[in-house]
Structures are given as C-alpha cells and as structure tokens.
Amino acid sequence: MTPAQEELVERIRDLIADEPVQREVSMFGDHCILVNDKMIVGAEKDGGLLVRVSADRNDELVLRAGARQAVMGPGREMGQGWITVDAGELDEEQLAFWVDAALENNAAVTGIGR
C-alpha cells in the first residue's frame, strides 16, 4: 500500500470498528474494505476513496464536493452506485459521511445491520 492508502485505511478502520464481519482485499487496484462480505469502500493509491452506495442515491451523491462517477478505465464509467471521492475532500466529517452511506447500502444489500 502507498502511504496515502495506509493512512486512509487506518481512518476507515476506526470508523467501522464496531462492524461485526470485516475483511480487506485488493480489488480494482485499491485496498478494499468489505463488511458482511460486500465491499463498502476502496482506498485508492492517491488517498482518494472508491465508495459503494445505493444506486438510488447516485445522482444526489455525485453532486457532493470532490465526488464523481467512478471509472474503470479511460472512458469506462462504472455503474450507478460506484463513486470516487478526491483525497482532498476527505476530512474526518466527510470520510464519516461516505463510510456511513456505504454502510447503509451494505445493510440494504445484505439485510444485516442498520
């Protein structure tokens, strides 16, 4: 992991410390964190965040500062519910917001929690 990824992952771990089933894997070139076997976020090499949110909230959430539709490669947008957030927009309050949005989606998808 890059230093920026390591720092972001530590901050995320603190936010999800009470979640019962967690694991971390490398996916999409990111260091991804899963809860209940579903990805919630990925720490990007530059310290940005890939977030898995409800597709129903996608249009609302991409309007937030530093947020944009995630891309899988040049010109290939990922589907609704995959958002990337710039590292510079991830102060403690904003990181908590994004992790919470991801956990809400996770609970809806898995039927576990929240």
PDB file of N, CA and C in Angstrom:
ATOM      1  N   MET A   1       0.834  -1.187   0.000  1.00  0.00           N
ATOM      2  CA  MET A   1       0.000   0.000   0.000  1.00  0.00           C
ATOM      3  C   MET A   1       0.876   1.247   0.000  1.00  0.00           C
ATOM      4  N   THR A   2       0.355   2.283  -0.608  1.00  0.00           N
ATOM      5  CA  THR A   2       1.051   3.560  -0.565  1.00  0.00           C
ATOM      6  C   THR A   2       0.821   4.195   0.811  1.00  0.00           C
ATOM      7  N   PRO A   3       1.660   5.154   1.197  1.00  0.00           N
ATOM      8  CA  PRO A   3       1.424   5.840   2.478  1.00  0.00           C
ATOM      9  C   PRO A   3       0.032   6.486   2.548  1.00  0.00           C
ATOM     10  N   ALA A   4      -0.435   7.065   1.435  1.00  0.00           N
ATOM     11  CA  ALA A   4      -1.768   7.687   1.429  1.00  0.00           C
ATOM     12  C   ALA A   4      -2.861   6.639   1.662  1.00  0.00           C
ATOM     13  N   GLN A   5      -2.711   5.465   1.046  1.00  0.00           N
ATOM     14  CA  GLN A   5      -3.685   4.386   1.259  1.00  0.00           C
ATOM     15  C   GLN A   5      -3.657   3.919   2.704  1.00  0.00           C
ATOM     16  N   GLU A   6      -2.472   3.713   3.241  1.00  0.00           N
ATOM     17  CA  GLU A   6      -2.353   3.235   4.616  1.00  0.00           C
ATOM     18  C   GLU A   6      -3.036   4.180   5.598  1.00  0.00           C
ATOM     19  N   GLU A   7      -2.816   5.479   5.401  1.00  0.00           N
ATOM     20  CA  GLU A   7      -3.403   6.465   6.300  1.00  0.00           C
ATOM     21  C   GLU A   7      -4.929   6.433   6.195  1.00  0.00           C
ATOM     22  N   LEU A   8      -5.441   6.361   4.970  1.00  0.00           N
ATOM     23  CA  LEU A   8      -6.887   6.318   4.768  1.00  0.00           C
ATOM     24  C   LEU A   8      -7.488   5.039   5.335  1.00  0.00           C
ATOM     25  N   VAL A   9      -6.845   3.918   5.124  1.00  0.00           N
ATOM     26  CA  VAL A   9      -7.351   2.642   5.643  1.00  0.00           C
ATOM     27  C   VAL A   9      -7.425   2.672   7.165  1.00  0.00           C
ATOM     28  N   GLU A  10      -6.435   3.239   7.814  1.00  0.00           N
ATOM     29  CA  GLU A  10      -6.470   3.344   9.279  1.00  0.00           C
ATOM     30  C   GLU A  10      -7.661   4.172   9.743  1.00  0.00           C
ATOM     31  N   ARG A  11      -7.921   5.258   9.051  1.00  0.00           N
ATOM     32  CA  ARG A  11      -9.065   6.108   9.402  1.00  0.00           C
ATOM     33  C   ARG A  11     -10.388   5.369   9.204  1.00  0.00           C
ATOM     34  N   ILE A  12     -10.477   4.598   8.136  1.00  0.00           N
ATOM     35  CA  ILE A  12     -11.691   3.816   7.872  1.00  0.00           C
ATOM     36  C   ILE A  12     -11.857   2.734   8.926  1.00  0.00           C
ATOM     37  N   ARG A  13     -10.780   2.055   9.257  1.00  0.00           N
ATOM     38  CA  ARG A  13     -10.853   1.004  10.297  1.00  0.00           C
ATOM     39  C   ARG A  13     -11.427   1.561  11.588  1.00  0.00           C
ATOM     40  N   ASP A  14     -11.012   2.763  11.954  1.00  0.00           N
ATOM     41  CA  ASP A  14     -11.540   3.391  13.170  1.00  0.00           C
ATOM     42  C   ASP A  14     -13.047   3.598  13.074  1.00  0.00           C
ATOM     43  N   LEU A  15     -13.523   3.990  11.887  1.00  0.00           N
ATOM     44  CA  LEU A  15     -14.945   4.266  11.704  1.00  0.00           C
ATOM     45  C   LEU A  15     -15.816   3.014  11.705  1.00  0.00           C
ATOM     46  N   ILE A  16     -15.239   1.878  11.321  1.00  0.00           N
ATOM     47  CA  ILE A  16     -16.044   0.652  11.228  1.00  0.00           C
ATOM     48  C   ILE A  16     -15.677  -0.371  12.298  1.00  0.00           C
ATOM     49  N   ALA A  17     -14.995   0.081  13.323  1.00  0.00           N
ATOM     50  CA  ALA A  17     -14.507  -0.841  14.355  1.00  0.00           C
ATOM     51  C   ALA A  17     -15.611  -1.695  14.972  1.00  0.00           C
ATOM     52  N   ASP A  18     -16.826  -1.192  15.016  1.00  0.00           N
ATOM     53  CA  ASP A  18     -17.923  -1.940  15.635  1.00  0.00           C
ATOM     54  C   ASP A  18     -18.659  -2.858  14.669  1.00  0.00           C
ATOM     55  N   GLU A  19     -18.301  -2.840  13.404  1.00  0.00           N
ATOM     56  CA  GLU A  19     -18.956  -3.727  12.439  1.00  0.00           C
ATOM     57  C   GLU A  19     -18.471  -5.162  12.691  1.00  0.00           C
ATOM     58  N   PRO A  20     -19.399  -6.123  12.766  1.00  0.00           N
ATOM     59  CA  PRO A  20     -19.033  -7.471  13.190  1.00  0.00           C
ATOM     60  C   PRO A  20     -18.199  -8.281  12.205  1.00  0.00           C
ATOM     61  N   VAL A  21     -18.440  -8.172  10.904  1.00  0.00           N
ATOM     62  CA  VAL A  21     -17.735  -9.019   9.948  1.00  0.00           C
ATOM     63  C   VAL A  21     -17.044  -8.134   8.913  1.00  0.00           C
ATOM     64  N   GLN A  22     -15.706  -8.070   9.015  1.00  0.00           N
ATOM     65  CA  GLN A  22     -14.918  -7.220   8.137  1.00  0.00           C
ATOM     66  C   GLN A  22     -13.777  -8.021   7.536  1.00  0.00           C
ATOM     67  N   ARG A  23     -13.374  -7.607   6.350  1.00  0.00           N
ATOM     68  CA  ARG A  23     -12.118  -8.117   5.799  1.00  0.00           C
ATOM     69  C   ARG A  23     -11.603  -7.134   4.770  1.00  0.00           C
ATOM     70  N   GLU A  24     -10.342  -7.278   4.421  1.00  0.00           N
ATOM     71  CA  GLU A  24      -9.699  -6.370   3.483  1.00  0.00           C
ATOM     72  C   GLU A  24      -9.068  -7.174   2.358  1.00  0.00           C
ATOM     73  N   VAL A  25      -9.232  -6.684   1.136  1.00  0.00           N
ATOM     74  CA  VAL A  25      -8.677  -7.354  -0.037  1.00  0.00           C
ATOM     75  C   VAL A  25      -8.231  -6.305  -1.052  1.00  0.00           C
ATOM     76  N   SER A  26      -7.396  -6.726  -1.982  1.00  0.00           N
ATOM     77  CA  SER A  26      -7.011  -5.855  -3.086  1.00  0.00           C
ATOM     78  C   SER A  26      -7.950  -6.121  -4.249  1.00  0.00           C
ATOM     79  N   MET A  27      -8.623  -5.059  -4.724  1.00  0.00           N
ATOM     80  CA  MET A  27      -9.513  -5.132  -5.884  1.00  0.00           C
ATOM     81  C   MET A  27      -9.459  -3.799  -6.605  1.00  0.00           C
ATOM     82  N   PHE A  28      -9.630  -3.834  -7.904  1.00  0.00           N
ATOM     83  CA  PHE A  28      -9.695  -2.606  -8.709  1.00  0.00           C
ATOM     84  C   PHE A  28      -8.424  -1.756  -8.550  1.00  0.00           C
ATOM     85  N   GLY A  29      -7.326  -2.338  -8.120  1.00  0.00           N
ATOM     86  CA  GLY A  29      -6.112  -1.571  -7.865  1.00  0.00           C
ATOM     87  C   GLY A  29      -6.153  -0.805  -6.555  1.00  0.00           C
ATOM     88  N   ASP A  30      -7.202  -1.016  -5.758  1.00  0.00           N
ATOM     89  CA  ASP A  30      -7.384  -0.333  -4.481  1.00  0.00           C
ATOM     90  C   ASP A  30      -7.253  -1.333  -3.335  1.00  0.00           C
ATOM     91  N   HIS A  31      -7.129  -0.807  -2.138  1.00  0.00           N
ATOM     92  CA  HIS A  31      -7.195  -1.625  -0.931  1.00  0.00           C
ATOM     93  C   HIS A  31      -8.636  -1.515  -0.437  1.00  0.00           C
ATOM     94  N   CYS A  32      -9.404  -2.579  -0.639  1.00  0.00           N
ATOM     95  CA  CYS A  32     -10.844  -2.524  -0.389  1.00  0.00           C
ATOM     96  C   CYS A  32     -11.210  -3.121   0.961  1.00  0.00           C
ATOM     97  N   ILE A  33     -12.241  -2.527   1.547  1.00  0.00           N
ATOM     98  CA  ILE A  33     -12.746  -2.983   2.835  1.00  0.00           C
ATOM     99  C   ILE A  33     -14.154  -3.513   2.618  1.00  0.00           C
ATOM    100  N   LEU A  34     -14.367  -4.735   3.105  1.00  0.00           N
ATOM    101  CA  LEU A  34     -15.652  -5.398   2.970  1.00  0.00           C
ATOM    102  C   LEU A  34     -16.280  -5.564   4.343  1.00  0.00           C
ATOM    103  N   VAL A  35     -17.584  -5.424   4.389  1.00  0.00           N
ATOM    104  CA  VAL A  35     -18.366  -5.690   5.593  1.00  0.00           C
ATOM    105  C   VAL A  35     -19.444  -6.679   5.167  1.00  0.00           C
ATOM    106  N   ASN A  36     -19.607  -7.736   5.934  1.00  0.00           N
ATOM    107  CA  ASN A  36     -20.570  -8.786   5.600  1.00  0.00           C
ATOM    108  C   ASN A  36     -20.335  -9.322   4.183  1.00  0.00           C
ATOM    109  N   ASP A  37     -19.064  -9.461   3.828  1.00  0.00           N
ATOM    110  CA  ASP A  37     -18.630  -9.983   2.529  1.00  0.00           C
ATOM    111  C   ASP A  37     -19.025  -9.141   1.329  1.00  0.00           C
ATOM    112  N   LYS A  38     -19.344  -7.869   1.538  1.00  0.00           N
ATOM    113  CA  LYS A  38     -19.653  -6.950   0.447  1.00  0.00           C
ATOM    114  C   LYS A  38     -18.765  -5.715   0.591  1.00  0.00           C
ATOM    115  N   MET A  39     -18.205  -5.278  -0.530  1.00  0.00           N
ATOM    116  CA  MET A  39     -17.330  -4.105  -0.497  1.00  0.00           C
ATOM    117  C   MET A  39     -18.111  -2.855  -0.093  1.00  0.00           C
ATOM    118  N   ILE A  40     -17.516  -2.087   0.815  1.00  0.00           N
ATOM    119  CA  ILE A  40     -18.110  -0.792   1.155  1.00  0.00           C
ATOM    120  C   ILE A  40     -17.275   0.343   0.568  1.00  0.00           C
ATOM    121  N   VAL A  41     -15.957   0.261   0.680  1.00  0.00           N
ATOM    122  CA  VAL A  41     -15.074   1.315   0.171  1.00  0.00           C
ATOM    123  C   VAL A  41     -13.754   0.719  -0.287  1.00  0.00           C
ATOM    124  N   GLY A  42     -13.053   1.499  -1.108  1.00  0.00           N
ATOM    125  CA  GLY A  42     -11.707   1.153  -1.524  1.00  0.00           C
ATOM    126  C   GLY A  42     -10.807   2.364  -1.376  1.00  0.00           C
ATOM    127  N   ALA A  43      -9.671   2.177  -0.720  1.00  0.00           N
ATOM    128  CA  ALA A  43      -8.683   3.252  -0.586  1.00  0.00           C
ATOM    129  C   ALA A  43      -7.810   3.242  -1.840  1.00  0.00           C
ATOM    130  N   GLU A  44      -7.836   4.352  -2.560  1.00  0.00           N
ATOM    131  CA  GLU A  44      -7.052   4.453  -3.789  1.00  0.00           C
ATOM    132  C   GLU A  44      -5.609   4.824  -3.477  1.00  0.00           C
ATOM    133  N   LYS A  45      -4.721   4.558  -4.405  1.00  0.00           N
ATOM    134  CA  LYS A  45      -3.292   4.803  -4.190  1.00  0.00           C
ATOM    135  C   LYS A  45      -2.974   6.241  -3.823  1.00  0.00           C
ATOM    136  N   ASP A  46      -3.773   7.188  -4.352  1.00  0.00           N
ATOM    137  CA  ASP A  46      -3.516   8.608  -4.081  1.00  0.00           C
ATOM    138  C   ASP A  46      -4.239   9.116  -2.841  1.00  0.00           C
ATOM    139  N   GLY A  47      -4.920   8.221  -2.113  1.00  0.00           N
ATOM    140  CA  GLY A  47      -5.647   8.624  -0.917  1.00  0.00           C
ATOM    141  C   GLY A  47      -7.104   8.963  -1.174  1.00  0.00           C
ATOM    142  N   GLY A  48      -7.548   8.854  -2.431  1.00  0.00           N
ATOM    143  CA  GLY A  48      -8.960   9.033  -2.753  1.00  0.00           C
ATOM    144  C   GLY A  48      -9.746   7.798  -2.324  1.00  0.00           C
ATOM    145  N   LEU A  49     -11.053   7.884  -2.451  1.00  0.00           N
ATOM    146  CA  LEU A  49     -11.928   6.831  -1.952  1.00  0.00           C
ATOM    147  C   LEU A  49     -12.890   6.376  -3.036  1.00  0.00           C
ATOM    148  N   LEU A  50     -12.968   5.074  -3.244  1.00  0.00           N
ATOM    149  CA  LEU A  50     -13.991   4.467  -4.074  1.00  0.00           C
ATOM    150  C   LEU A  50     -15.075   4.001  -3.114  1.00  0.00           C
ATOM    151  N   VAL A  51     -16.316   4.431  -3.361  1.00  0.00           N
ATOM    152  CA  VAL A  51     -17.405   4.153  -2.423  1.00  0.00           C
ATOM    153  C   VAL A  51     -18.520   3.407  -3.142  1.00  0.00           C
ATOM    154  N   ARG A  52     -19.053   2.388  -2.474  1.00  0.00           N
ATOM    155  CA  ARG A  52     -20.213   1.641  -2.988  1.00  0.00           C
ATOM    156  C   ARG A  52     -21.432   2.131  -2.234  1.00  0.00           C
ATOM    157  N   VAL A  53     -22.315   2.835  -2.932  1.00  0.00           N
ATOM    158  CA  VAL A  53     -23.518   3.398  -2.322  1.00  0.00           C
ATOM    159  C   VAL A  53     -24.745   2.871  -3.055  1.00  0.00           C
ATOM    160  N   SER A  54     -25.907   3.196  -2.539  1.00  0.00           N
ATOM    161  CA  SER A  54     -27.146   2.811  -3.193  1.00  0.00           C
ATOM    162  C   SER A  54     -27.240   3.477  -4.563  1.00  0.00           C
ATOM    163  N   ALA A  55     -27.583   2.704  -5.571  1.00  0.00           N
ATOM    164  CA  ALA A  55     -27.762   3.264  -6.913  1.00  0.00           C
ATOM    165  C   ALA A  55     -28.841   4.339  -6.910  1.00  0.00           C
ATOM    166  N   ASP A  56     -29.819   4.211  -6.029  1.00  0.00           N
ATOM    167  CA  ASP A  56     -30.894   5.196  -5.926  1.00  0.00           C
ATOM    168  C   ASP A  56     -30.389   6.565  -5.463  1.00  0.00           C
ATOM    169  N   ARG A  57     -29.256   6.594  -4.777  1.00  0.00           N
ATOM    170  CA  ARG A  57     -28.705   7.863  -4.273  1.00  0.00           C
ATOM    171  C   ARG A  57     -27.580   8.398  -5.147  1.00  0.00           C
ATOM    172  N   ASN A  58     -27.216   7.672  -6.195  1.00  0.00           N
ATOM    173  CA  ASN A  58     -26.065   8.029  -7.020  1.00  0.00           C
ATOM    174  C   ASN A  58     -26.117   9.475  -7.504  1.00  0.00           C
ATOM    175  N   ASP A  59     -27.218   9.872  -8.151  1.00  0.00           N
ATOM    176  CA  ASP A  59     -27.299  11.215  -8.744  1.00  0.00           C
ATOM    177  C   ASP A  59     -27.162  12.314  -7.699  1.00  0.00           C
ATOM    178  N   GLU A  60     -27.707  12.075  -6.516  1.00  0.00           N
ATOM    179  CA  GLU A  60     -27.587  13.035  -5.408  1.00  0.00           C
ATOM    180  C   GLU A  60     -26.148  13.109  -4.906  1.00  0.00           C
ATOM    181  N   LEU A  61     -25.519  11.954  -4.722  1.00  0.00           N
ATOM    182  CA  LEU A  61     -24.199  11.917  -4.095  1.00  0.00           C
ATOM    183  C   LEU A  61     -23.067  12.390  -4.993  1.00  0.00           C
ATOM    184  N   VAL A  62     -23.184  12.205  -6.302  1.00  0.00           N
ATOM    185  CA  VAL A  62     -22.101  12.680  -7.177  1.00  0.00           C
ATOM    186  C   VAL A  62     -22.037  14.201  -7.237  1.00  0.00           C
ATOM    187  N   LEU A  63     -23.032  14.887  -6.679  1.00  0.00           N
ATOM    188  CA  LEU A  63     -23.021  16.344  -6.642  1.00  0.00           C
ATOM    189  C   LEU A  63     -22.229  16.892  -5.457  1.00  0.00           C
ATOM    190  N   ARG A  64     -21.837  16.030  -4.528  1.00  0.00           N
ATOM    191  CA  ARG A  64     -21.068  16.475  -3.358  1.00  0.00           C
ATOM    192  C   ARG A  64     -19.651  16.867  -3.777  1.00  0.00           C
ATOM    193  N   ALA A  65     -19.039  17.723  -2.993  1.00  0.00           N
ATOM    194  CA  ALA A  65     -17.683  18.215  -3.282  1.00  0.00           C
ATOM    195  C   ALA A  65     -16.706  17.052  -3.455  1.00  0.00           C
ATOM    196  N   GLY A  66     -15.964  17.077  -4.565  1.00  0.00           N
ATOM    197  CA  GLY A  66     -14.932  16.083  -4.831  1.00  0.00           C
ATOM    198  C   GLY A  66     -15.430  14.747  -5.322  1.00  0.00           C
ATOM    199  N   ALA A  67     -16.742  14.581  -5.448  1.00  0.00           N
ATOM    200  CA  ALA A  67     -17.311  13.296  -5.868  1.00  0.00           C
ATOM    201  C   ALA A  67     -17.538  13.280  -7.374  1.00  0.00           C
ATOM    202  N   ARG A  68     -17.394  12.099  -7.951  1.00  0.00           N
ATOM    203  CA  ARG A  68     -17.680  11.908  -9.378  1.00  0.00           C
ATOM    204  C   ARG A  68     -17.983  10.433  -9.615  1.00  0.00           C
ATOM    205  N   GLN A  69     -18.605  10.171 -10.744  1.00  0.00           N
ATOM    206  CA  GLN A  69     -18.885   8.788 -11.105  1.00  0.00           C
ATOM    207  C   GLN A  69     -17.557   8.056 -11.248  1.00  0.00           C
ATOM    208  N   ALA A  70     -17.449   6.893 -10.652  1.00  0.00           N
ATOM    209  CA  ALA A  70     -16.208   6.117 -10.730  1.00  0.00           C
ATOM    210  C   ALA A  70     -16.004   5.593 -12.147  1.00  0.00           C
ATOM    211  N   VAL A  71     -14.747   5.503 -12.543  1.00  0.00           N
ATOM    212  CA  VAL A  71     -14.408   4.946 -13.855  1.00  0.00           C
ATOM    213  C   VAL A  71     -13.517   3.731 -13.671  1.00  0.00           C
ATOM    214  N   MET A  72     -13.676   2.769 -14.572  1.00  0.00           N
ATOM    215  CA  MET A  72     -12.893   1.544 -14.506  1.00  0.00           C
ATOM    216  C   MET A  72     -11.680   1.620 -15.426  1.00  0.00           C
ATOM    217  N   GLY A  73     -11.671   2.561 -16.299  1.00  0.00           N
ATOM    218  CA  GLY A  73     -10.588   2.760 -17.240  1.00  0.00           C
ATOM    219  C   GLY A  73     -10.921   3.979 -18.070  1.00  0.00           C
ATOM    220  N   PRO A  74     -10.047   4.363 -18.963  1.00  0.00           N
ATOM    221  CA  PRO A  74     -10.321   5.551 -19.779  1.00  0.00           C
ATOM    222  C   PRO A  74     -11.677   5.444 -20.490  1.00  0.00           C
ATOM    223  N   GLY A  75     -12.566   6.377 -20.140  1.00  0.00           N
ATOM    224  CA  GLY A  75     -13.853   6.421 -20.800  1.00  0.00           C
ATOM    225  C   GLY A  75     -14.854   5.353 -20.402  1.00  0.00           C
ATOM    226  N   ARG A  76     -14.553   4.557 -19.384  1.00  0.00           N
ATOM    227  CA  ARG A  76     -15.456   3.477 -18.970  1.00  0.00           C
ATOM    228  C   ARG A  76     -15.983   3.744 -17.569  1.00  0.00           C
ATOM    229  N   GLU A  77     -17.123   4.409 -17.498  1.00  0.00           N
ATOM    230  CA  GLU A  77     -17.734   4.666 -16.194  1.00  0.00           C
ATOM    231  C   GLU A  77     -18.239   3.379 -15.581  1.00  0.00           C
ATOM    232  N   MET A  78     -18.087   3.269 -14.276  1.00  0.00           N
ATOM    233  CA  MET A  78     -18.691   2.162 -13.548  1.00  0.00           C
ATOM    234  C   MET A  78     -20.180   2.494 -13.398  1.00  0.00           C
ATOM    235  N   GLY A  79     -20.981   1.538 -13.051  1.00  0.00           N
ATOM    236  CA  GLY A  79     -22.422   1.723 -12.952  1.00  0.00           C
ATOM    237  C   GLY A  79     -22.834   2.617 -11.796  1.00  0.00           C
ATOM    238  N   GLN A  80     -24.133   2.867 -11.748  1.00  0.00           N
ATOM    239  CA  GLN A  80     -24.726   3.641 -10.669  1.00  0.00           C
ATOM    240  C   GLN A  80     -24.367   2.995  -9.324  1.00  0.00           C
ATOM    241  N   GLY A  81     -24.035   3.838  -8.359  1.00  0.00           N
ATOM    242  CA  GLY A  81     -23.701   3.349  -7.032  1.00  0.00           C
ATOM    243  C   GLY A  81     -22.206   3.203  -6.787  1.00  0.00           C
ATOM    244  N   TRP A  82     -21.390   3.506  -7.787  1.00  0.00           N
ATOM    245  CA  TRP A  82     -19.934   3.498  -7.635  1.00  0.00           C
ATOM    246  C   TRP A  82     -19.443   4.927  -7.807  1.00  0.00           C
ATOM    247  N   ILE A  83     -18.916   5.495  -6.731  1.00  0.00           N
ATOM    248  CA  ILE A  83     -18.498   6.894  -6.717  1.00  0.00           C
ATOM    249  C   ILE A  83     -17.061   6.993  -6.212  1.00  0.00           C
ATOM    250  N   THR A  84     -16.308   7.898  -6.823  1.00  0.00           N
ATOM    251  CA  THR A  84     -14.952   8.197  -6.373  1.00  0.00           C
ATOM    252  C   THR A  84     -14.958   9.579  -5.724  1.00  0.00           C
ATOM    253  N   VAL A  85     -14.248   9.697  -4.592  1.00  0.00           N
ATOM    254  CA  VAL A  85     -14.152  10.970  -3.878  1.00  0.00           C
ATOM    255  C   VAL A  85     -12.677  11.346  -3.784  1.00  0.00           C
ATOM    256  N   ASP A  86     -12.370  12.574  -4.160  1.00  0.00           N
ATOM    257  CA  ASP A  86     -10.993  13.066  -4.129  1.00  0.00           C
ATOM    258  C   ASP A  86     -10.439  13.083  -2.709  1.00  0.00           C
ATOM    259  N   ALA A  87      -9.167  12.777  -2.578  1.00  0.00           N
ATOM    260  CA  ALA A  87      -8.500  12.744  -1.276  1.00  0.00           C
ATOM    261  C   ALA A  87      -8.640  14.070  -0.523  1.00  0.00           C
ATOM    262  N   GLY A  88      -8.558  15.177  -1.230  1.00  0.00           N
ATOM    263  CA  GLY A  88      -8.632  16.492  -0.604  1.00  0.00           C
ATOM    264  C   GLY A  88      -9.979  16.820   0.012  1.00  0.00           C
ATOM    265  N   GLU A  89     -10.986  16.023  -0.273  1.00  0.00           N
ATOM    266  CA  GLU A  89     -12.333  16.237   0.270  1.00  0.00           C
ATOM    267  C   GLU A  89     -12.672  15.259   1.385  1.00  0.00           C
ATOM    268  N   LEU A  90     -11.665  14.581   1.926  1.00  0.00           N
ATOM    269  CA  LEU A  90     -11.925  13.537   2.916  1.00  0.00           C
ATOM    270  C   LEU A  90     -11.451  13.921   4.312  1.00  0.00           C
ATOM    271  N   ASP A  91     -11.928  15.083   4.792  1.00  0.00           N
ATOM    272  CA  ASP A  91     -11.666  15.401   6.187  1.00  0.00           C
ATOM    273  C   ASP A  91     -12.461  14.399   7.037  1.00  0.00           C
ATOM    274  N   GLU A  92     -12.345  14.477   8.328  1.00  0.00           N
ATOM    275  CA  GLU A  92     -12.990  13.475   9.202  1.00  0.00           C
ATOM    276  C   GLU A  92     -14.497  13.422   8.998  1.00  0.00           C
ATOM    277  N   GLU A  93     -15.124  14.585   8.895  1.00  0.00           N
ATOM    278  CA  GLU A  93     -16.580  14.643   8.734  1.00  0.00           C
ATOM    279  C   GLU A  93     -17.017  14.022   7.404  1.00  0.00           C
ATOM    280  N   GLN A  94     -16.315  14.368   6.329  1.00  0.00           N
ATOM    281  CA  GLN A  94     -16.693  13.843   5.015  1.00  0.00           C
ATOM    282  C   GLN A  94     -16.401  12.347   4.888  1.00  0.00           C
ATOM    283  N   LEU A  95     -15.277  11.897   5.437  1.00  0.00           N
ATOM    284  CA  LEU A  95     -14.997  10.465   5.400  1.00  0.00           C
ATOM    285  C   LEU A  95     -16.075   9.703   6.154  1.00  0.00           C
ATOM    286  N   ALA A  96     -16.471  10.203   7.303  1.00  0.00           N
ATOM    287  CA  ALA A  96     -17.539   9.546   8.075  1.00  0.00           C
ATOM    288  C   ALA A  96     -18.840   9.526   7.278  1.00  0.00           C
ATOM    289  N   PHE A  97     -19.146  10.615   6.569  1.00  0.00           N
ATOM    290  CA  PHE A  97     -20.353  10.660   5.740  1.00  0.00           C
ATOM    291  C   PHE A  97     -20.324   9.552   4.696  1.00  0.00           C
ATOM    292  N   TRP A  98     -19.206   9.439   3.970  1.00  0.00           N
ATOM    293  CA  TRP A  98     -19.118   8.452   2.892  1.00  0.00           C
ATOM    294  C   TRP A  98     -19.138   7.022   3.418  1.00  0.00           C
ATOM    295  N   VAL A  99     -18.441   6.773   4.508  1.00  0.00           N
ATOM    296  CA  VAL A  99     -18.459   5.424   5.088  1.00  0.00           C
ATOM    297  C   VAL A  99     -19.873   5.093   5.562  1.00  0.00           C
ATOM    298  N   ASP A 100     -20.556   6.045   6.148  1.00  0.00           N
ATOM    299  CA  ASP A 100     -21.928   5.818   6.591  1.00  0.00           C
ATOM    300  C   ASP A 100     -22.844   5.510   5.401  1.00  0.00           C
ATOM    301  N   ALA A 101     -22.710   6.253   4.315  1.00  0.00           N
ATOM    302  CA  ALA A 101     -23.520   5.993   3.116  1.00  0.00           C
ATOM    303  C   ALA A 101     -23.245   4.592   2.578  1.00  0.00           C
ATOM    304  N   ALA A 102     -21.985   4.179   2.618  1.00  0.00           N
ATOM    305  CA  ALA A 102     -21.626   2.837   2.156  1.00  0.00           C
ATOM    306  C   ALA A 102     -22.191   1.761   3.082  1.00  0.00           C
ATOM    307  N   LEU A 103     -22.153   2.015   4.387  1.00  0.00           N
ATOM    308  CA  LEU A 103     -22.705   1.042   5.344  1.00  0.00           C
ATOM    309  C   LEU A 103     -24.225   0.936   5.221  1.00  0.00           C
ATOM    310  N   GLU A 104     -24.895   2.043   4.922  1.00  0.00           N
ATOM    311  CA  GLU A 104     -26.341   1.996   4.695  1.00  0.00           C
ATOM    312  C   GLU A 104     -26.660   1.107   3.500  1.00  0.00           C
ATOM    313  N   ASN A 105     -25.903   1.274   2.423  1.00  0.00           N
ATOM    314  CA  ASN A 105     -26.095   0.434   1.253  1.00  0.00           C
ATOM    315  C   ASN A 105     -25.806  -1.028   1.586  1.00  0.00           C
ATOM    316  N   ASN A 106     -24.741  -1.249   2.320  1.00  0.00           N
ATOM    317  CA  ASN A 106     -24.366  -2.604   2.713  1.00  0.00           C
ATOM    318  C   ASN A 106     -25.492  -3.282   3.495  1.00  0.00           C
ATOM    319  N   ALA A 107     -26.086  -2.562   4.413  1.00  0.00           N
ATOM    320  CA  ALA A 107     -27.188  -3.128   5.208  1.00  0.00           C
ATOM    321  C   ALA A 107     -28.382  -3.452   4.325  1.00  0.00           C
ATOM    322  N   ALA A 108     -28.667  -2.587   3.354  1.00  0.00           N
ATOM    323  CA  ALA A 108     -29.793  -2.827   2.449  1.00  0.00           C
ATOM    324  C   ALA A 108     -29.544  -4.047   1.561  1.00  0.00           C
ATOM    325  N   VAL A 109     -28.307  -4.208   1.121  1.00  0.00           N
ATOM    326  CA  VAL A 109     -27.965  -5.319   0.225  1.00  0.00           C
ATOM    327  C   VAL A 109     -27.899  -6.645   0.977  1.00  0.00           C
ATOM    328  N   THR A 110     -27.322  -6.617   2.172  1.00  0.00           N
ATOM    329  CA  THR A 110     -27.114  -7.867   2.917  1.00  0.00           C
ATOM    330  C   THR A 110     -28.256  -8.202   3.849  1.00  0.00           C
ATOM    331  N   GLY A 111     -29.048  -7.192   4.211  1.00  0.00           N
ATOM    332  CA  GLY A 111     -30.104  -7.424   5.206  1.00  0.00           C
ATOM    333  C   GLY A 111     -29.568  -7.549   6.620  1.00  0.00           C
ATOM    334  N   ILE A 112     -28.310  -7.130   6.809  1.00  0.00           N
ATOM    335  CA  ILE A 112     -27.650  -7.218   8.116  1.00  0.00           C
ATOM    336  C   ILE A 112     -27.313  -5.806   8.592  1.00  0.00           C
ATOM    337  N   GLY A 113     -27.662  -5.501   9.830  1.00  0.00           N
ATOM    338  CA  GLY A 113     -27.263  -4.217  10.416  1.00  0.00           C
ATOM    339  C   GLY A 113     -28.246  -3.112  10.144  1.00  0.00           C
ATOM    340  N   ARG A 114     -27.845  -1.933  10.523  1.00  0.00           N
ATOM    341  CA  ARG A 114     -28.586  -0.678  10.419  1.00  0.00           C
ATOM    342  C   ARG A 114     -30.031  -0.913  10.215  1.00  0.00           C
TER     343      ARG A 114
END
